[in-house]
Amino acid sequence: GNIIGSGIFISPKGVLEHAGSVGLALVIWVLGGGVAALGSLCYAELGVTIPKSGGDYSYVTEIFGGLAGFLLLWSAVLIMYPTSLAVIALTFSNYVLQPVFPNCIPPYNASRILSMVCLLLLTWVNSSSVRWATRIQDIFTAGKLLALTLIIIVGFIQIFKGNYKELTPSNAFNFWMTPSVGHLALAFLQGSFAFSGWNFLNYVTEELVDPRRNLPRAIFISIPLVTFVYTFTNIAYFTAMSPQELLSSNAVAVTFGEKLLGYFSWVMPVSVALSTFGGINGYLFTSSRLCFSGAREGHLPSLLAMIHVKNCTPIPALLLCCLATLIIMLVGDTYTLINYVSFINYLCYGVTIIGLIVLRWRKPKIFRPIKVNLLIPITYLAFWAFLLIFSLYSEPVVCGVGLIIILTGVPVFFLGVYWRNKPKCVNRLIGK
């Protein structure tokens, strides 16, 4: 439920653009699922060896200390969650506005304003009632499942009718450009955005029943299933559209519906809008709890650990997430934002999995209910290094700005967390 969100409705365009052919794009989708599976297995070992909720933040803090944990929390609060929220909100507005502007890209200002209104509305809902927030999540989950099921079924019908010209080997691997290694890295980054969320189960390890059995079981069921759904959704897209049509579309699922569903084409934008609306709600709910958790540990201002007396909601944390998202929403276009958040995501994943190897070296005799073969983290880290190096080479500005923002957390950590004996006037100001 966390993995499948807006990514599958927007990432296909970015993956295809950098892959240079239909066949290579499909290969990247399958490999993306494989890499997510490797990372999930490593997180399964960490999750039962360090049985704390909080995911990456808890593991990195435990293994590398407070500064490393704080920087991961800092990047999540300032970059990963707000950027993901911004991308999902912009996707929501694009799909809602696409029927209104069928022959052109929706105006920049209209898209941003609708995204902001949606974000503010859901921030208000999450601030007002936990029950309403969870009900919205339950109801709108059906939207994305309806959209993907419909796309895959219609795709199979097209294949049975013989409409698979773009999927034949001769056409699928007919490159209109020769992708460089840097292009391949960016294609993986675009695809990895759609798979993000595979580590979210580790945020609630303490609440899992029998994590030794159920954590790997969840991985073995969910990752192959999501990979299957994503791959066949992309196959379905190519039964209705040429690569050029897909690249020129600002809302791929809407274009797919217009071509194949006729009178019922309205179902696609409505389903995707429902999916992304629920996605915004879910990310707001999760990110505010991470802020709350960090503040409770003393890594963020204590204000962010406060909850409303009557509503029992973390309103200060929600307002911070909302404000950070509104700022990032004005930074650039959707696909630049995806590169931005995917790079930082992978940086954090890699550091966490390096922590697994460090923990094996430091504490070889610690009880590990799950112990993966060492080749699994090494293989993941080899891919991780390839992705980051060539992403830095291809998009130095996007990656560089992300690294700079992470490093701005160093002085904040030493001034706000490490420096205990602050002057009384500073403590009084923070207290107020």
Protein backbone atom coordinates (compact mmCIF):
# COMPACT_ATOMS: atom_id res chain seq x y z
CA GLY A 1 0.00 0.00 0.00
CA ASN A 2 2.87 2.42 0.71
CA ILE A 3 4.86 1.46 -2.39
CA ILE A 4 2.06 1.79 -4.95
CA GLY A 5 1.24 5.48 -5.18
CA SER A 6 1.70 8.21 -7.73
CA GLY A 7 5.06 6.94 -9.04
CA ILE A 8 3.66 4.40 -11.50
CA PHE A 9 1.53 7.15 -13.11
CA ILE A 10 4.41 9.60 -13.66
CA SER A 11 7.71 7.65 -13.65
CA PRO A 12 7.09 5.72 -16.94
CA LYS A 13 7.72 8.92 -18.91
CA GLY A 14 10.99 9.65 -17.08
CA VAL A 15 12.25 6.06 -17.36
CA LEU A 16 11.49 5.86 -21.10
CA GLU A 17 13.01 9.28 -21.78
CA HIS A 18 16.40 8.25 -20.34
CA ALA A 19 16.32 4.57 -21.45
CA GLY A 20 15.96 5.37 -25.16
CA SER A 21 13.86 2.31 -26.02
CA VAL A 22 10.75 0.45 -24.86
CA GLY A 23 12.62 -2.81 -24.19
CA LEU A 24 15.32 -1.24 -22.03
CA ALA A 25 12.67 0.73 -20.10
CA LEU A 26 10.88 -2.54 -19.24
CA VAL A 27 14.19 -4.15 -18.21
CA ILE A 28 14.83 -1.20 -15.87
CA TRP A 29 11.40 -1.67 -14.25
CA VAL A 30 12.16 -5.36 -13.55
CA LEU A 31 15.68 -4.60 -12.26
CA GLY A 32 14.25 -1.82 -10.07
CA GLY A 33 12.08 -4.41 -8.33
CA GLY A 34 15.08 -6.71 -7.89
CA VAL A 35 17.17 -3.96 -6.29
CA ALA A 36 14.26 -3.06 -3.96
CA ALA A 37 14.08 -6.75 -2.94
CA LEU A 38 17.82 -6.81 -2.08
CA GLY A 39 17.47 -3.66 0.01
CA SER A 40 14.37 -5.05 1.75
CA LEU A 41 16.21 -8.23 2.78
CA CYS A 42 19.01 -6.15 4.33
CA TYR A 43 16.43 -4.04 6.19
CA ALA A 44 14.76 -7.25 7.42
CA GLU A 45 18.01 -8.25 9.18
CA LEU A 46 18.42 -4.77 10.67
CA GLY A 47 14.76 -4.66 11.71
CA VAL A 48 14.99 -7.77 13.92
CA THR A 49 18.58 -7.15 15.11
CA ILE A 50 17.75 -3.58 16.23
CA PRO A 51 14.04 -4.00 17.07
CA LYS A 52 13.18 -0.30 17.23
CA SER A 53 10.54 1.55 15.25
CA GLY A 54 11.85 4.46 13.20
CA GLY A 55 13.54 2.62 10.33
CA ASP A 56 16.72 4.14 8.88
CA TYR A 57 16.80 6.86 11.52
CA SER A 58 16.91 4.36 14.41
CA TYR A 59 19.50 2.06 12.76
CA VAL A 60 21.89 4.82 11.69
CA THR A 61 21.67 6.48 15.13
CA GLU A 62 22.38 3.14 16.86
CA ILE A 63 25.34 2.20 14.59
CA PHE A 64 26.99 5.51 13.64
CA GLY A 65 25.89 7.80 16.48
CA GLY A 66 23.74 10.88 16.97
CA LEU A 67 25.22 13.10 14.22
CA ALA A 68 24.64 10.56 11.43
CA GLY A 69 21.12 9.84 12.69
CA PHE A 70 20.37 13.55 12.91
CA LEU A 71 21.57 14.19 9.34
CA LEU A 72 19.32 11.41 8.07
CA LEU A 73 16.40 12.86 10.03
CA TRP A 74 17.29 16.37 8.80
CA SER A 75 17.34 15.25 5.15
CA ALA A 76 14.06 13.34 5.59
CA VAL A 77 12.29 16.33 7.16
CA LEU A 78 13.72 18.93 4.76
CA ILE A 79 14.04 16.94 1.52
CA MET A 80 12.67 13.41 1.21
CA TYR A 81 9.18 13.70 2.64
CA PRO A 82 8.41 17.28 1.48
CA THR A 83 9.71 16.52 -2.03
CA SER A 84 7.71 13.30 -2.27
CA LEU A 85 4.66 15.22 -1.08
CA ALA A 86 5.30 17.95 -3.66
CA VAL A 87 5.63 15.42 -6.50
CA ILE A 88 2.42 13.61 -5.51
CA ALA A 89 0.51 16.90 -5.12
CA LEU A 90 1.71 18.12 -8.55
CA THR A 91 0.69 14.77 -10.06
CA PHE A 92 -2.76 15.18 -8.49
CA SER A 93 -3.20 18.63 -10.03
CA ASN A 94 -1.91 17.51 -13.46
CA TYR A 95 -4.40 14.62 -13.63
CA VAL A 96 -7.31 16.77 -12.39
CA LEU A 97 -6.52 19.56 -14.88
CA GLN A 98 -5.67 17.35 -17.89
CA PRO A 99 -9.34 16.96 -19.02
CA VAL A 100 -9.74 20.74 -18.74
CA PHE A 101 -6.64 21.33 -20.94
CA PRO A 102 -6.77 18.27 -23.26
CA ASN A 103 -4.51 19.68 -25.98
CA CYS A 104 -1.77 21.27 -23.89
CA ILE A 105 0.10 21.07 -20.59
CA PRO A 106 -1.93 22.63 -17.73
CA PRO A 107 -0.75 26.18 -16.91
CA TYR A 108 2.07 26.39 -14.34
CA ASN A 109 0.17 28.65 -11.93
CA ALA A 110 -3.06 26.62 -12.10
CA SER A 111 -1.17 23.39 -11.33
CA ARG A 112 0.72 24.92 -8.37
CA ILE A 113 -2.35 26.60 -6.87
CA LEU A 114 -4.47 23.42 -7.03
CA SER A 115 -1.59 21.40 -5.50
CA MET A 116 -1.27 23.89 -2.64
CA VAL A 117 -5.03 23.93 -1.97
CA CYS A 118 -5.05 20.12 -1.81
CA LEU A 119 -2.05 20.07 0.56
CA LEU A 120 -3.56 22.71 2.87
CA LEU A 121 -6.90 20.88 2.95
CA LEU A 122 -5.31 17.58 3.96
CA THR A 123 -3.06 19.28 6.52
CA TRP A 124 -6.23 20.68 8.09
CA VAL A 125 -7.90 17.23 8.06
CA ASN A 126 -4.84 15.57 9.66
CA SER A 127 -4.68 18.33 12.27
CA SER A 128 -8.38 17.99 13.08
CA SER A 129 -8.83 14.23 13.43
CA VAL A 130 -6.71 11.07 13.28
CA ARG A 131 -9.89 9.08 12.57
CA TRP A 132 -10.75 11.16 9.49
CA ALA A 133 -7.17 10.94 8.23
CA THR A 134 -7.20 7.13 8.45
CA ARG A 135 -10.66 6.91 6.87
CA ILE A 136 -9.48 9.00 3.92
CA GLN A 137 -6.51 6.66 3.54
CA ASP A 138 -8.75 3.56 3.51
CA ILE A 139 -11.24 5.00 1.03
CA PHE A 140 -8.75 6.45 -1.44
CA THR A 141 -6.55 3.34 -1.55
CA ALA A 142 -9.27 1.80 -3.71
CA GLY A 143 -8.63 4.49 -6.34
CA LYS A 144 -5.12 3.39 -7.23
CA LEU A 145 -6.07 -0.29 -7.22
CA LEU A 146 -8.98 0.40 -9.58
CA ALA A 147 -6.78 2.40 -11.96
CA LEU A 148 -3.94 -0.17 -12.14
CA THR A 149 -6.28 -3.18 -12.42
CA LEU A 150 -8.21 -1.49 -15.22
CA ILE A 151 -5.00 -0.56 -17.10
CA ILE A 152 -3.59 -4.12 -16.89
CA ILE A 153 -6.86 -5.82 -17.93
CA VAL A 154 -7.31 -3.50 -20.91
CA GLY A 155 -3.63 -4.08 -21.82
CA PHE A 156 -4.14 -7.86 -21.88
CA ILE A 157 -7.24 -7.43 -24.06
CA GLN A 158 -5.13 -5.34 -26.48
CA ILE A 159 -2.43 -8.03 -26.61
CA PHE A 160 -5.03 -10.74 -27.35
CA LYS A 161 -6.31 -8.55 -30.19
CA GLY A 162 -2.79 -8.43 -31.63
CA ASN A 163 -2.00 -4.81 -30.72
CA TYR A 164 1.55 -5.34 -29.46
CA LYS A 165 3.61 -3.85 -32.27
CA GLU A 166 5.80 -1.78 -29.91
CA LEU A 167 6.52 -4.85 -27.75
CA THR A 168 8.00 -7.09 -30.47
CA PRO A 169 11.79 -7.50 -29.94
CA SER A 170 12.69 -5.71 -33.19
CA ASN A 171 10.68 -2.61 -32.22
CA ALA A 172 11.16 -2.77 -28.44
CA PHE A 173 14.96 -2.50 -28.72
CA ASN A 174 14.93 -0.01 -31.57
CA PHE A 175 16.85 2.84 -29.86
CA TRP A 176 16.01 6.41 -30.93
CA MET A 177 19.04 7.49 -28.89
CA THR A 178 22.02 5.63 -27.48
CA PRO A 179 21.73 5.95 -23.68
CA SER A 180 24.93 6.78 -21.81
CA VAL A 181 25.72 5.27 -18.41
CA GLY A 182 24.55 8.55 -16.89
CA HIS A 183 21.21 8.24 -18.71
CA LEU A 184 20.79 4.70 -17.34
CA ALA A 185 21.46 5.96 -13.81
CA LEU A 186 18.80 8.66 -14.22
CA ALA A 187 16.35 6.11 -15.63
CA PHE A 188 16.88 3.96 -12.52
CA LEU A 189 16.37 7.02 -10.31
CA GLN A 190 13.07 7.76 -12.04
CA GLY A 191 11.96 4.13 -11.62
CA SER A 192 13.17 3.93 -8.02
CA PHE A 193 10.78 6.75 -7.08
CA ALA A 194 7.87 4.43 -7.94
CA PHE A 195 9.35 1.70 -5.68
CA SER A 196 10.02 4.04 -2.73
CA GLY A 197 8.22 2.92 0.40
CA TRP A 198 9.66 -0.62 0.49
CA ASN A 199 11.35 0.22 3.80
CA PHE A 200 8.29 1.72 5.53
CA LEU A 201 7.45 -1.51 7.39
CA ASN A 202 10.65 -0.98 9.40
CA TYR A 203 9.15 2.21 10.84
CA VAL A 204 6.73 0.06 12.87
CA THR A 205 8.91 -2.97 13.74
CA GLU A 206 7.94 -2.80 17.42
CA GLU A 207 4.26 -3.20 16.46
CA LEU A 208 4.75 -6.23 14.19
CA VAL A 209 3.54 -9.63 15.36
CA ASP A 210 6.44 -12.12 15.13
CA PRO A 211 8.72 -9.91 12.95
CA ARG A 212 11.19 -12.78 12.49
CA ARG A 213 8.58 -14.59 10.37
CA ASN A 214 6.32 -11.79 9.10
CA LEU A 215 8.92 -9.19 8.02
CA PRO A 216 10.60 -11.42 5.38
CA ARG A 217 7.20 -12.88 4.45
CA ALA A 218 5.89 -9.37 3.69
CA ILE A 219 8.97 -8.72 1.53
CA PHE A 220 8.70 -11.99 -0.44
CA ILE A 221 5.02 -11.31 -1.18
CA SER A 222 4.99 -7.56 -1.78
CA ILE A 223 8.11 -6.80 -3.84
CA PRO A 224 7.48 -9.43 -6.59
CA LEU A 225 3.79 -8.45 -6.67
CA VAL A 226 4.58 -4.73 -7.06
CA THR A 227 7.23 -5.49 -9.71
CA PHE A 228 4.66 -7.58 -11.64
CA VAL A 229 2.02 -4.82 -11.43
CA TYR A 230 4.47 -2.09 -12.51
CA THR A 231 5.94 -4.07 -15.40
CA PHE A 232 2.54 -5.10 -16.80
CA THR A 233 1.16 -1.58 -16.35
CA ASN A 234 3.99 -0.31 -18.56
CA ILE A 235 3.39 -3.13 -21.06
CA ALA A 236 -0.27 -2.08 -21.16
CA TYR A 237 0.72 1.54 -21.85
CA PHE A 238 2.70 0.43 -24.93
CA THR A 239 -0.23 -1.54 -26.35
CA ALA A 240 -2.06 1.78 -26.78
CA MET A 241 0.72 4.33 -27.31
CA SER A 242 3.91 4.68 -29.26
CA PRO A 243 6.98 5.78 -27.27
CA GLN A 244 6.66 9.27 -28.80
CA GLU A 245 3.02 9.55 -27.68
CA LEU A 246 3.93 8.46 -24.15
CA LEU A 247 6.78 10.99 -23.96
CA SER A 248 4.54 13.81 -25.18
CA SER A 249 1.81 13.00 -22.63
CA ASN A 250 1.72 14.96 -19.38
CA ALA A 251 -0.66 12.41 -17.82
CA VAL A 252 0.07 8.93 -19.20
CA ALA A 253 -2.92 7.13 -17.66
CA VAL A 254 -5.33 9.79 -18.98
CA THR A 255 -3.95 9.45 -22.51
CA PHE A 256 -4.25 5.64 -22.18
CA GLY A 257 -7.92 5.99 -21.10
CA GLU A 258 -8.75 8.41 -23.94
CA LYS A 259 -7.36 5.96 -26.51
CA LEU A 260 -8.95 2.74 -25.27
CA LEU A 261 -11.85 3.40 -22.88
CA GLY A 262 -13.98 5.68 -25.03
CA TYR A 263 -17.00 6.95 -23.07
CA PHE A 264 -15.49 5.63 -19.83
CA SER A 265 -12.17 7.46 -20.28
CA TRP A 266 -13.14 9.74 -17.37
CA VAL A 267 -12.50 6.79 -15.03
CA MET A 268 -8.70 7.13 -15.39
CA PRO A 269 -8.17 10.75 -14.28
CA VAL A 270 -10.67 10.25 -11.45
CA SER A 271 -8.93 7.04 -10.27
CA VAL A 272 -5.46 8.57 -10.42
CA ALA A 273 -6.66 11.73 -8.67
CA LEU A 274 -8.14 9.56 -5.90
CA SER A 275 -4.87 7.61 -5.68
CA THR A 276 -2.66 10.69 -5.41
CA PHE A 277 -5.05 12.41 -2.99
CA GLY A 278 -4.75 9.38 -0.70
CA GLY A 279 -0.97 9.38 -1.25
CA ILE A 280 -0.65 12.97 -0.04
CA ASN A 281 -2.69 12.08 3.03
CA GLY A 282 -0.50 9.04 3.77
CA TYR A 283 2.79 10.92 3.41
CA LEU A 284 1.53 13.76 5.61
CA PHE A 285 0.51 11.24 8.26
CA THR A 286 3.87 9.41 8.16
CA SER A 287 6.21 12.41 7.86
CA SER A 288 4.58 14.25 10.75
CA ARG A 289 5.11 11.17 12.95
CA LEU A 290 8.81 11.08 11.99
CA CYS A 291 9.14 14.75 13.03
CA PHE A 292 7.31 13.91 16.25
CA SER A 293 9.66 10.96 16.91
CA GLY A 294 12.80 13.02 16.22
CA ALA A 295 11.61 15.79 18.54
CA ARG A 296 10.84 13.26 21.27
CA GLU A 297 14.43 11.95 21.01
CA GLY A 298 15.78 15.51 21.36
CA HIS A 299 16.97 15.81 17.73
CA LEU A 300 14.36 18.42 16.78
CA PRO A 301 12.79 21.31 18.76
CA SER A 302 10.49 20.05 21.54
CA LEU A 303 7.64 22.07 20.00
CA LEU A 304 7.41 19.41 17.25
CA ALA A 305 6.74 16.70 19.87
CA MET A 306 3.61 18.51 21.09
CA ILE A 307 0.13 17.19 20.31
CA HIS A 308 -3.23 18.95 20.45
CA VAL A 309 -4.98 18.37 23.79
CA LYS A 310 -8.41 17.56 22.30
CA ASN A 311 -7.62 16.27 18.79
CA CYS A 312 -4.52 14.25 19.81
CA THR A 313 -2.78 15.25 16.55
CA PRO A 314 0.85 16.50 16.14
CA ILE A 315 -0.19 19.89 14.72
CA PRO A 316 3.27 21.62 14.91
CA ALA A 317 4.90 18.69 13.06
CA LEU A 318 2.13 18.72 10.44
CA LEU A 319 2.54 22.48 9.90
CA LEU A 320 6.31 22.07 9.45
CA CYS A 321 5.80 19.31 6.84
CA CYS A 322 3.20 21.44 5.04
CA LEU A 323 5.44 24.54 4.99
CA ALA A 324 8.50 22.61 3.74
CA THR A 325 6.38 21.05 0.96
CA LEU A 326 4.95 24.41 -0.13
CA ILE A 327 8.50 25.79 -0.49
CA ILE A 328 9.83 22.77 -2.43
CA MET A 329 6.76 22.82 -4.69
CA LEU A 330 8.05 26.09 -6.16
CA VAL A 331 11.55 24.70 -6.91
CA GLY A 332 11.03 23.10 -10.32
CA ASP A 333 9.25 20.58 -12.51
CA THR A 334 8.07 17.14 -11.39
CA TYR A 335 10.85 15.11 -13.02
CA THR A 336 13.67 17.26 -11.56
CA LEU A 337 12.06 16.84 -8.15
CA ILE A 338 11.97 13.04 -8.63
CA ASN A 339 15.72 12.98 -9.41
CA TYR A 340 16.22 15.16 -6.36
CA VAL A 341 14.38 12.96 -3.86
CA SER A 342 15.52 9.64 -5.40
CA PHE A 343 19.19 10.62 -5.07
CA ILE A 344 18.79 11.52 -1.38
CA ASN A 345 16.68 8.40 -0.77
CA TYR A 346 19.36 6.15 -2.24
CA LEU A 347 22.08 7.95 -0.31
CA CYS A 348 20.22 7.19 2.94
CA TYR A 349 19.49 3.58 1.93
CA GLY A 350 23.16 2.97 1.15
CA VAL A 351 24.41 4.46 4.42
CA THR A 352 21.92 2.27 6.33
CA ILE A 353 23.06 -0.91 4.54
CA ILE A 354 26.72 0.02 5.10
CA GLY A 355 25.65 0.10 8.75
CA LEU A 356 24.60 -3.57 8.45
CA ILE A 357 28.15 -4.54 7.38
CA VAL A 358 29.68 -2.34 10.13
CA LEU A 359 27.43 -4.00 12.72
CA ARG A 360 28.52 -7.46 11.48
CA TRP A 361 32.16 -6.38 12.04
CA ARG A 362 31.67 -4.64 15.40
CA LYS A 363 29.25 -7.12 16.99
CA PRO A 364 29.69 -10.48 15.24
CA LYS A 365 28.07 -12.42 18.12
CA ILE A 366 24.94 -10.26 18.54
CA PHE A 367 21.71 -12.26 18.19
CA ARG A 368 20.42 -12.02 14.61
CA PRO A 369 17.09 -13.82 14.11
CA ILE A 370 17.48 -13.11 10.38
CA LYS A 371 20.97 -13.17 8.83
CA VAL A 372 21.26 -12.57 5.08
CA ASN A 373 24.18 -13.77 2.97
CA LEU A 374 26.87 -11.07 2.87
CA LEU A 375 26.68 -11.06 -0.96
CA ILE A 376 23.22 -9.43 -0.73
CA PRO A 377 24.34 -6.14 0.93
CA ILE A 378 27.54 -6.11 -1.15
CA THR A 379 25.55 -6.49 -4.41
CA TYR A 380 23.14 -3.76 -3.33
CA LEU A 381 26.01 -1.41 -2.41
CA ALA A 382 27.75 -2.04 -5.77
CA PHE A 383 24.58 -0.95 -7.57
CA TRP A 384 24.15 1.91 -5.08
CA ALA A 385 27.67 3.21 -5.79
CA PHE A 386 27.11 3.01 -9.57
CA LEU A 387 23.83 4.90 -9.29
CA LEU A 388 25.16 7.69 -7.09
CA ILE A 389 28.42 8.25 -8.99
CA PHE A 390 26.77 8.53 -12.40
CA SER A 391 23.86 10.54 -11.01
CA LEU A 392 26.39 13.03 -9.66
CA TYR A 393 28.07 13.06 -13.08
CA SER A 394 24.80 13.53 -15.02
CA GLU A 395 22.96 15.89 -12.64
CA PRO A 396 25.69 17.58 -10.57
CA VAL A 397 23.53 20.58 -9.65
CA VAL A 398 20.53 18.55 -8.41
CA CYS A 399 22.71 16.10 -6.47
CA GLY A 400 25.08 18.82 -5.23
CA VAL A 401 22.26 20.94 -3.82
CA GLY A 402 20.88 17.86 -2.07
CA LEU A 403 24.26 17.12 -0.46
CA ILE A 404 24.67 20.75 0.61
CA ILE A 405 21.25 20.76 2.28
CA ILE A 406 22.13 17.54 4.15
CA LEU A 407 25.44 19.08 5.33
CA THR A 408 23.66 22.19 6.61
CA GLY A 409 22.44 19.86 9.34
CA VAL A 410 25.99 19.61 10.81
CA PRO A 411 26.10 23.10 12.41
CA VAL A 412 22.43 22.73 13.40
CA PHE A 413 23.28 19.47 15.22
CA PHE A 414 26.19 20.96 17.14
CA LEU A 415 24.32 24.15 18.05
CA GLY A 416 20.92 22.61 18.76
CA VAL A 417 21.63 19.07 20.03
CA TYR A 418 25.29 18.60 21.01
CA TRP A 419 25.68 21.97 22.81
CA ARG A 420 23.98 21.19 26.10
CA ASN A 421 25.07 24.15 28.26
CA LYS A 422 23.38 26.92 26.32
CA PRO A 423 22.95 30.39 27.85
CA LYS A 424 19.69 30.83 29.78
CA CYS A 425 18.44 33.45 27.30
CA VAL A 426 18.74 30.89 24.44
CA ASN A 427 16.87 28.23 26.43
CA ARG A 428 14.15 30.74 27.29
CA LEU A 429 13.79 31.71 23.59
CA ILE A 430 13.54 28.04 22.52
CA GLY A 431 11.07 27.37 25.34
CA LYS A 432 8.82 30.24 24.22
